[in-house]
Amino acid sequence: MPRLWALLLILLLFIPGLYAQELPSEDQGDIEFDSDYANYRPSLYTMGDKIFTISLGTLFPVYFAGAVENNNHGIRPVGGTGSLAFSFFINSSVFLGGELSGMFLATRGGNMFYMVPIGARVGYQFIFRRFEFPITFMIGGAPTLYLETNHFGFFMKAGASAFFRFNPDWSFGLNAFWWFAPQWPKSEDGVRYNVYGNFVELTLSARYHF
């Protein structure tokens, strides 16, 4: 009987020490967990990653100045637009590339106005979990056609997008861009009939990542 009591006493003294060595304290675990996430920054891209984007949607003429004012441009309030774009990343956030767009607008007289912007693009992308928010700037030129008149002029657009990364290959989102399309045509009488067109693009996009 004295041996049994001695064995129980030894176990009572040994077991608490064993648990103290094997189980870390809750406070220590919390500190280690917080430190792991303190500097966490999601990053899905590296230098050389590429994206191909296709976009379709609507275009709204919003402001005209110069020889064509807002009250006499004769364009319907809503048109269509689409684009193909290629981008490659030079680091985890900055990308470069090119874009080919197209747009059409009907006039109140039943005619059509066409523009085909083409140019270089640069942008910066923010990432939050599976959501991506690129800010893009494009500059280039745009052939335009209306009836028998055609013109090639300067073109610029800038805006932002919001995408959801559906899987490693595809993301889908929305775009909002402001177009600036001035025209400085030559005239035989020496008078400059400059026009400064401004449009708003709202489109849906699908991006393929490779």
Protein backbone atom coordinates (compact mmCIF):
# COMPACT_ATOMS: atom_id res chain seq x y z
CA MET A 1 0.00 0.00 0.00
CA PRO A 2 2.77 2.55 0.77
CA ARG A 3 4.28 1.71 -2.65
CA LEU A 4 0.99 2.58 -4.39
CA TRP A 5 0.81 5.94 -2.69
CA ALA A 6 4.43 6.63 -3.61
CA LEU A 7 3.68 5.80 -7.29
CA LEU A 8 0.65 8.11 -7.36
CA LEU A 9 2.73 10.91 -5.83
CA ILE A 10 5.41 10.52 -8.49
CA LEU A 11 2.79 10.62 -11.29
CA LEU A 12 1.17 13.74 -9.88
CA LEU A 13 4.54 15.49 -9.82
CA PHE A 14 5.63 14.30 -13.30
CA ILE A 15 2.49 14.79 -15.44
CA PRO A 16 2.10 18.59 -14.99
CA GLY A 17 5.72 19.07 -16.02
CA LEU A 18 5.21 16.92 -19.09
CA TYR A 19 2.19 18.98 -20.27
CA ALA A 20 4.05 22.20 -19.64
CA GLN A 21 6.82 21.11 -22.06
CA GLU A 22 4.58 19.75 -24.85
CA LEU A 23 1.76 22.34 -24.99
CA PRO A 24 2.72 25.95 -25.90
CA SER A 25 0.88 28.71 -24.14
CA GLU A 26 -2.03 30.48 -25.87
CA ASP A 27 -0.31 33.85 -25.59
CA GLN A 28 2.81 32.57 -27.36
CA GLY A 29 0.72 31.04 -30.14
CA ASP A 30 -1.21 34.29 -30.73
CA ILE A 31 1.97 36.35 -31.02
CA GLU A 32 3.47 33.96 -33.57
CA PHE A 33 0.23 33.92 -35.65
CA ASP A 34 -0.01 37.71 -35.79
CA SER A 35 3.63 38.12 -36.82
CA ASP A 36 3.13 35.74 -39.74
CA TYR A 37 0.33 37.92 -41.21
CA ALA A 38 1.68 41.34 -40.31
CA ASN A 39 3.68 41.62 -43.57
CA TYR A 40 1.38 39.51 -45.75
CA ARG A 41 0.74 41.03 -49.19
CA PRO A 42 -1.09 39.02 -51.88
CA SER A 43 0.84 38.82 -55.13
CA LEU A 44 -0.24 36.76 -58.14
CA TYR A 45 2.13 38.16 -60.75
CA THR A 46 5.82 38.08 -61.55
CA MET A 47 7.88 39.67 -64.30
CA GLY A 48 6.91 38.22 -67.68
CA ASP A 49 3.35 37.19 -66.82
CA LYS A 50 0.93 37.99 -69.65
CA ILE A 51 -2.77 38.77 -70.03
CA PHE A 52 -5.02 38.78 -73.09
CA THR A 53 -8.24 40.78 -72.64
CA ILE A 54 -11.42 40.96 -74.68
CA SER A 55 -14.01 43.65 -73.85
CA LEU A 56 -17.51 44.48 -75.13
CA GLY A 57 -20.02 47.09 -74.04
CA THR A 58 -21.45 50.54 -74.53
CA LEU A 59 -20.08 53.98 -75.36
CA PHE A 60 -21.65 57.33 -74.43
CA PRO A 61 -20.80 60.67 -76.10
CA VAL A 62 -20.64 63.08 -73.16
CA TYR A 63 -18.97 66.33 -74.21
CA PHE A 64 -17.91 68.06 -77.44
CA ALA A 65 -16.14 71.35 -77.97
CA GLY A 66 -14.73 73.33 -80.89
CA ALA A 67 -16.37 73.34 -84.31
CA VAL A 68 -18.89 70.74 -83.07
CA GLU A 69 -20.67 71.71 -79.88
CA ASN A 70 -22.86 69.57 -77.66
CA ASN A 71 -26.06 70.92 -79.20
CA ASN A 72 -25.21 70.21 -82.84
CA HIS A 73 -23.15 67.02 -83.06
CA GLY A 74 -26.18 64.96 -84.14
CA ILE A 75 -24.98 61.71 -82.52
CA ARG A 76 -27.27 59.30 -80.73
CA PRO A 77 -26.72 59.10 -76.95
CA VAL A 78 -25.57 55.45 -76.87
CA GLY A 79 -23.23 53.44 -79.09
CA GLY A 80 -21.21 50.25 -78.96
CA THR A 81 -17.54 49.46 -78.45
CA GLY A 82 -15.17 46.52 -78.13
CA SER A 83 -11.46 45.95 -77.78
CA LEU A 84 -8.64 43.41 -77.77
CA ALA A 85 -5.66 44.06 -75.50
CA PHE A 86 -2.39 42.38 -74.64
CA SER A 87 -0.40 43.16 -71.49
CA PHE A 88 2.75 41.84 -69.84
CA PHE A 89 3.96 42.58 -66.34
CA ILE A 90 7.38 44.09 -65.66
CA ASN A 91 6.94 43.44 -61.93
CA SER A 92 4.14 42.30 -59.62
CA SER A 93 2.03 45.45 -60.23
CA VAL A 94 3.09 47.39 -63.36
CA PHE A 95 2.16 46.24 -66.87
CA LEU A 96 2.75 47.39 -70.46
CA GLY A 97 1.06 46.41 -73.69
CA GLY A 98 -1.05 47.37 -76.66
CA GLU A 99 -4.72 47.67 -77.54
CA LEU A 100 -6.95 47.67 -80.61
CA SER A 101 -10.46 49.05 -80.15
CA GLY A 102 -13.49 49.80 -82.26
CA MET A 103 -16.64 51.85 -81.79
CA PHE A 104 -19.79 52.84 -83.66
CA LEU A 105 -22.36 55.54 -83.08
CA ALA A 106 -25.53 56.20 -85.04
CA THR A 107 -26.56 59.73 -85.97
CA ARG A 108 -30.04 61.17 -85.83
CA GLY A 109 -30.01 61.23 -89.62
CA GLY A 110 -29.61 57.45 -89.78
CA ASN A 111 -25.90 57.40 -90.66
CA MET A 112 -23.05 55.73 -88.79
CA PHE A 113 -19.87 57.13 -87.26
CA TYR A 114 -16.95 54.71 -86.80
CA MET A 115 -13.65 54.97 -84.93
CA VAL A 116 -10.82 52.40 -84.58
CA PRO A 117 -8.40 53.46 -81.80
CA ILE A 118 -5.05 51.70 -81.60
CA GLY A 119 -2.18 52.41 -79.25
CA ALA A 120 0.12 51.52 -76.37
CA ARG A 121 -1.09 51.04 -72.81
CA VAL A 122 0.49 51.17 -69.37
CA GLY A 123 -1.08 50.42 -66.01
CA TYR A 124 -0.79 49.62 -62.35
CA GLN A 125 -2.78 46.86 -60.65
CA PHE A 126 -3.91 46.59 -57.04
CA ILE A 127 -4.78 43.16 -55.62
CA PHE A 128 -7.03 42.25 -52.70
CA ARG A 129 -7.48 38.53 -52.21
CA ARG A 130 -9.10 37.30 -55.46
CA PHE A 131 -10.08 40.80 -56.63
CA GLU A 132 -7.85 42.80 -58.99
CA PHE A 133 -8.13 46.53 -59.73
CA PRO A 134 -6.02 47.70 -62.70
CA ILE A 135 -5.71 51.40 -63.55
CA THR A 136 -4.89 51.81 -67.26
CA PHE A 137 -3.74 54.62 -69.53
CA MET A 138 -3.68 54.29 -73.33
CA ILE A 139 -2.30 56.68 -75.96
CA GLY A 140 -2.23 56.32 -79.72
CA GLY A 141 -4.17 57.19 -82.86
CA ALA A 142 -7.66 56.61 -84.22
CA PRO A 143 -8.87 56.39 -87.83
CA THR A 144 -12.43 57.68 -88.08
CA LEU A 145 -15.02 57.32 -90.83
CA TYR A 146 -18.26 59.20 -91.37
CA LEU A 147 -20.00 59.00 -94.77
CA GLU A 148 -17.27 59.87 -97.31
CA THR A 149 -15.06 61.66 -94.80
CA ASN A 150 -12.19 59.93 -93.05
CA HIS A 151 -9.62 61.24 -90.63
CA PHE A 152 -6.69 59.94 -88.58
CA GLY A 153 -6.11 61.74 -85.31
CA PHE A 154 -4.77 61.60 -81.79
CA PHE A 155 -6.49 59.36 -79.25
CA MET A 156 -6.19 58.88 -75.51
CA LYS A 157 -8.16 57.04 -72.85
CA ALA A 158 -7.78 56.35 -69.15
CA GLY A 159 -9.78 54.55 -66.51
CA ALA A 160 -10.09 51.76 -63.99
CA SER A 161 -11.39 48.21 -63.84
CA ALA A 162 -12.47 45.65 -61.26
CA PHE A 163 -11.88 41.92 -61.87
CA PHE A 164 -12.59 38.73 -59.99
CA ARG A 165 -9.98 35.98 -60.42
CA PHE A 166 -12.22 33.02 -61.21
CA ASN A 167 -9.35 30.55 -61.50
CA PRO A 168 -5.62 30.65 -62.40
CA ASP A 169 -6.45 31.07 -66.11
CA TRP A 170 -9.44 33.41 -66.20
CA SER A 171 -10.72 36.58 -64.56
CA PHE A 172 -13.88 38.56 -65.32
CA GLY A 173 -14.77 42.17 -64.61
CA LEU A 174 -16.02 45.65 -65.44
CA ASN A 175 -14.30 48.65 -67.05
CA ALA A 176 -14.97 52.38 -66.93
CA PHE A 177 -12.85 54.55 -69.27
CA TRP A 178 -12.85 58.17 -70.42
CA TRP A 179 -12.02 58.67 -74.12
CA PHE A 180 -10.48 61.87 -75.49
CA ALA A 181 -10.53 62.03 -79.30
CA PRO A 182 -9.66 65.43 -80.81
CA GLN A 183 -9.62 66.09 -84.54
CA TRP A 184 -7.51 68.75 -86.22
CA PRO A 185 -8.55 68.46 -89.88
CA LYS A 186 -6.93 70.39 -92.70
CA SER A 187 -9.14 72.77 -94.65
CA GLU A 188 -8.72 74.42 -98.02
CA ASP A 189 -9.90 77.85 -96.85
CA GLY A 190 -7.31 78.00 -94.06
CA VAL A 191 -9.89 77.83 -91.26
CA ARG A 192 -9.32 75.24 -88.57
CA TYR A 193 -12.44 73.22 -87.80
CA ASN A 194 -11.05 71.51 -84.71
CA VAL A 195 -13.28 69.17 -82.74
CA TYR A 196 -12.65 67.82 -79.22
CA GLY A 197 -14.73 64.72 -78.52
CA ASN A 198 -15.13 63.08 -75.11
CA PHE A 199 -16.77 59.71 -74.53
CA VAL A 200 -17.38 57.33 -71.63
CA GLU A 201 -16.88 53.59 -72.06
CA LEU A 202 -18.61 51.00 -69.85
CA THR A 203 -17.68 47.45 -70.81
CA LEU A 204 -17.49 43.87 -69.60
CA SER A 205 -14.19 42.00 -69.91
CA ALA A 206 -12.77 38.51 -69.85
CA ARG A 207 -9.02 38.10 -69.27
CA TYR A 208 -6.90 35.05 -70.05
CA HIS A 209 -3.76 34.72 -67.94
CA PHE A 210 -0.70 32.92 -69.23
